[in-house]
PDB file of N, CA and C in Angstrom:
ATOM      1  N   UNK A   1      43.123 125.053 -26.396  1.00  0.00           N
ATOM      2  CA  UNK A   1      43.662 123.729 -26.024  1.00  0.00           C
ATOM      3  C   UNK A   1      44.944 123.902 -25.210  1.00  0.00           C
ATOM      4  N   UNK A   2      45.809 124.800 -25.644  1.00  0.00           N
ATOM      5  CA  UNK A   2      47.092 124.997 -24.939  1.00  0.00           C
ATOM      6  C   UNK A   2      46.859 125.449 -23.496  1.00  0.00           C
ATOM      7  N   UNK A   3      45.882 126.345 -23.321  1.00  0.00           N
ATOM      8  CA  UNK A   3      45.613 126.858 -21.971  1.00  0.00           C
ATOM      9  C   UNK A   3      45.180 125.720 -21.048  1.00  0.00           C
ATOM     10  N   UNK A   4      44.370 124.802 -21.560  1.00  0.00           N
ATOM     11  CA  UNK A   4      43.891 123.682 -20.731  1.00  0.00           C
ATOM     12  C   UNK A   4      45.077 122.837 -20.289  1.00  0.00           C
ATOM     13  N   UNK A   5      45.984 122.521 -21.207  1.00  0.00           N
ATOM     14  CA  UNK A   5      47.158 121.705 -20.871  1.00  0.00           C
ATOM     15  C   UNK A   5      48.004 122.411 -19.812  1.00  0.00           C
ATOM     16  N   UNK A   6      48.200 123.709 -19.981  1.00  0.00           N
ATOM     17  CA  UNK A   6      48.997 124.466 -19.006  1.00  0.00           C
ATOM     18  C   UNK A   6      48.333 124.431 -17.636  1.00  0.00           C
ATOM     19  N   UNK A   7      47.026 124.605 -17.595  1.00  0.00           N
ATOM     20  CA  UNK A   7      46.288 124.593 -16.322  1.00  0.00           C
ATOM     21  C   UNK A   7      46.456 123.233 -15.639  1.00  0.00           C
ATOM     22  N   UNK A   8      46.356 122.164 -16.414  1.00  0.00           N
ATOM     23  CA  UNK A   8      46.503 120.822 -15.847  1.00  0.00           C
ATOM     24  C   UNK A   8      47.900 120.646 -15.261  1.00  0.00           C
ATOM     25  N   UNK A   9      48.905 121.124 -15.984  1.00  0.00           N
ATOM     26  CA  UNK A   9      50.280 120.993 -15.484  1.00  0.00           C
ATOM     27  C   UNK A   9      50.454 121.750 -14.173  1.00  0.00           C
ATOM     28  N   UNK A  10      49.896 122.934 -14.077  1.00  0.00           N
ATOM     29  CA  UNK A  10      50.012 123.730 -12.846  1.00  0.00           C
ATOM     30  C   UNK A  10      49.360 122.992 -11.671  1.00  0.00           C
ATOM     31  N   UNK A  11      48.186 122.417 -11.910  1.00  0.00           N
ATOM     32  CA  UNK A  11      47.484 121.697 -10.842  1.00  0.00           C
ATOM     33  C   UNK A  11      48.302 120.486 -10.398  1.00  0.00           C
ATOM     34  N   UNK A  12      48.870 119.759 -11.351  1.00  0.00           N
ATOM     35  CA  UNK A  12      49.656 118.574 -11.008  1.00  0.00           C
ATOM     36  C   UNK A  12      50.881 118.980 -10.199  1.00  0.00           C
ATOM     37  N   UNK A  13      51.516 120.076 -10.582  1.00  0.00           N
ATOM     38  CA  UNK A  13      52.705 120.551  -9.852  1.00  0.00           C
ATOM     39  C   UNK A  13      52.320 120.892  -8.413  1.00  0.00           C
ATOM     40  N   UNK A  14      51.197 121.578  -8.237  1.00  0.00           N
ATOM     41  CA  UNK A  14      50.759 121.960  -6.886  1.00  0.00           C
ATOM     42  C   UNK A  14      50.501 120.718  -6.053  1.00  0.00           C
ATOM     43  N   UNK A  15      49.859 119.708  -6.649  1.00  0.00           N
ATOM     44  CA  UNK A  15      49.561 118.468  -5.901  1.00  0.00           C
ATOM     45  C   UNK A  15      50.867 117.795  -5.471  1.00  0.00           C
ATOM     46  N   UNK A  16      51.833 117.733  -6.384  1.00  0.00           N
ATOM     47  CA  UNK A  16      53.119 117.100  -6.060  1.00  0.00           C
ATOM     48  C   UNK A  16      53.806 117.862  -4.933  1.00  0.00           C
ATOM     49  N   UNK A  17      53.758 119.191  -4.999  1.00  0.00           N
ATOM     50  CA  UNK A  17      54.406 120.001  -3.959  1.00  0.00           C
ATOM     51  C   UNK A  17      53.752 119.727  -2.600  1.00  0.00           C
ATOM     52  N   UNK A  18      52.440 119.639  -2.597  1.00  0.00           N
ATOM     53  CA  UNK A  18      51.732 119.382  -1.332  1.00  0.00           C
ATOM     54  C   UNK A  18      52.127 118.025  -0.775  1.00  0.00           C
ATOM     55  N   UNK A  19      52.209 117.013  -1.652  1.00  0.00           N
ATOM     56  CA  UNK A  19      52.545 115.657  -1.190  1.00  0.00           C
ATOM     57  C   UNK A  19      53.988 115.588  -0.704  1.00  0.00           C
ATOM     58  N   UNK A  20      54.890 116.265  -1.417  1.00  0.00           N
ATOM     59  CA  UNK A  20      56.313 116.177  -1.084  1.00  0.00           C
ATOM     60  C   UNK A  20      56.773 117.379  -0.256  1.00  0.00           C
ATOM     61  N   UNK A  21      55.847 117.985   0.475  1.00  0.00           N
ATOM     62  CA  UNK A  21      56.232 119.121   1.314  1.00  0.00           C
ATOM     63  C   UNK A  21      57.037 118.619   2.514  1.00  0.00           C
ATOM     64  N   UNK A  22      56.706 117.417   2.993  1.00  0.00           N
ATOM     65  CA  UNK A  22      57.402 116.864   4.160  1.00  0.00           C
ATOM     66  C   UNK A  22      58.871 116.580   3.819  1.00  0.00           C
ATOM     67  N   UNK A  23      59.113 116.108   2.596  1.00  0.00           N
ATOM     68  CA  UNK A  23      60.485 115.758   2.194  1.00  0.00           C
ATOM     69  C   UNK A  23      61.012 116.815   1.229  1.00  0.00           C
ATOM     70  N   UNK A  24      61.651 117.843   1.758  1.00  0.00           N
ATOM     71  CA  UNK A  24      62.170 118.917   0.901  1.00  0.00           C
ATOM     72  C   UNK A  24      63.439 118.469   0.184  1.00  0.00           C
ATOM     73  N   UNK A  25      64.213 117.594   0.793  1.00  0.00           N
ATOM     74  CA  UNK A  25      65.474 117.140   0.181  1.00  0.00           C
ATOM     75  C   UNK A  25      65.197 116.440  -1.157  1.00  0.00           C
ATOM     76  N   UNK A  26      64.223 115.548  -1.176  1.00  0.00           N
ATOM     77  CA  UNK A  26      63.899 114.819  -2.410  1.00  0.00           C
ATOM     78  C   UNK A  26      63.441 115.781  -3.501  1.00  0.00           C
ATOM     79  N   UNK A  27      62.635 116.762  -3.144  1.00  0.00           N
ATOM     80  CA  UNK A  27      62.111 117.711  -4.141  1.00  0.00           C
ATOM     81  C   UNK A  27      63.256 118.503  -4.758  1.00  0.00           C
ATOM     82  N   UNK A  28      64.197 118.945  -3.918  1.00  0.00           N
ATOM     83  CA  UNK A  28      65.321 119.740  -4.428  1.00  0.00           C
ATOM     84  C   UNK A  28      66.135 118.915  -5.428  1.00  0.00           C
ATOM     85  N   UNK A  29      66.371 117.674  -5.094  1.00  0.00           N
ATOM     86  CA  UNK A  29      67.142 116.807  -5.990  1.00  0.00           C
ATOM     87  C   UNK A  29      66.413 116.650  -7.320  1.00  0.00           C
ATOM     88  N   UNK A  30      65.107 116.439  -7.272  1.00  0.00           N
ATOM     89  CA  UNK A  30      64.337 116.248  -8.506  1.00  0.00           C
ATOM     90  C   UNK A  30      64.347 117.533  -9.344  1.00  0.00           C
ATOM     91  N   UNK A  31      64.188 118.673  -8.700  1.00  0.00           N
ATOM     92  CA  UNK A  31      64.174 119.950  -9.420  1.00  0.00           C
ATOM     93  C   UNK A  31      65.503 120.186 -10.121  1.00  0.00           C
ATOM     94  N   UNK A  32      66.611 119.856  -9.456  1.00  0.00           N
ATOM     95  CA  UNK A  32      67.926 120.063 -10.073  1.00  0.00           C
ATOM     96  C   UNK A  32      68.059 119.249 -11.352  1.00  0.00           C
ATOM     97  N   UNK A  33      67.543 118.023 -11.325  1.00  0.00           N
ATOM     98  CA  UNK A  33      67.635 117.166 -12.522  1.00  0.00           C
ATOM     99  C   UNK A  33      66.714 117.721 -13.599  1.00  0.00           C
TER     100      UNK A  33
END
């Protein structure tokens, strides 16, 4: 069960990175928080 949750989180992170690749400033701010 834990592995499935981790896999889902990784996929969601990759999708967010792809969507917010154009705006690097916003991503940096979010990561810092």
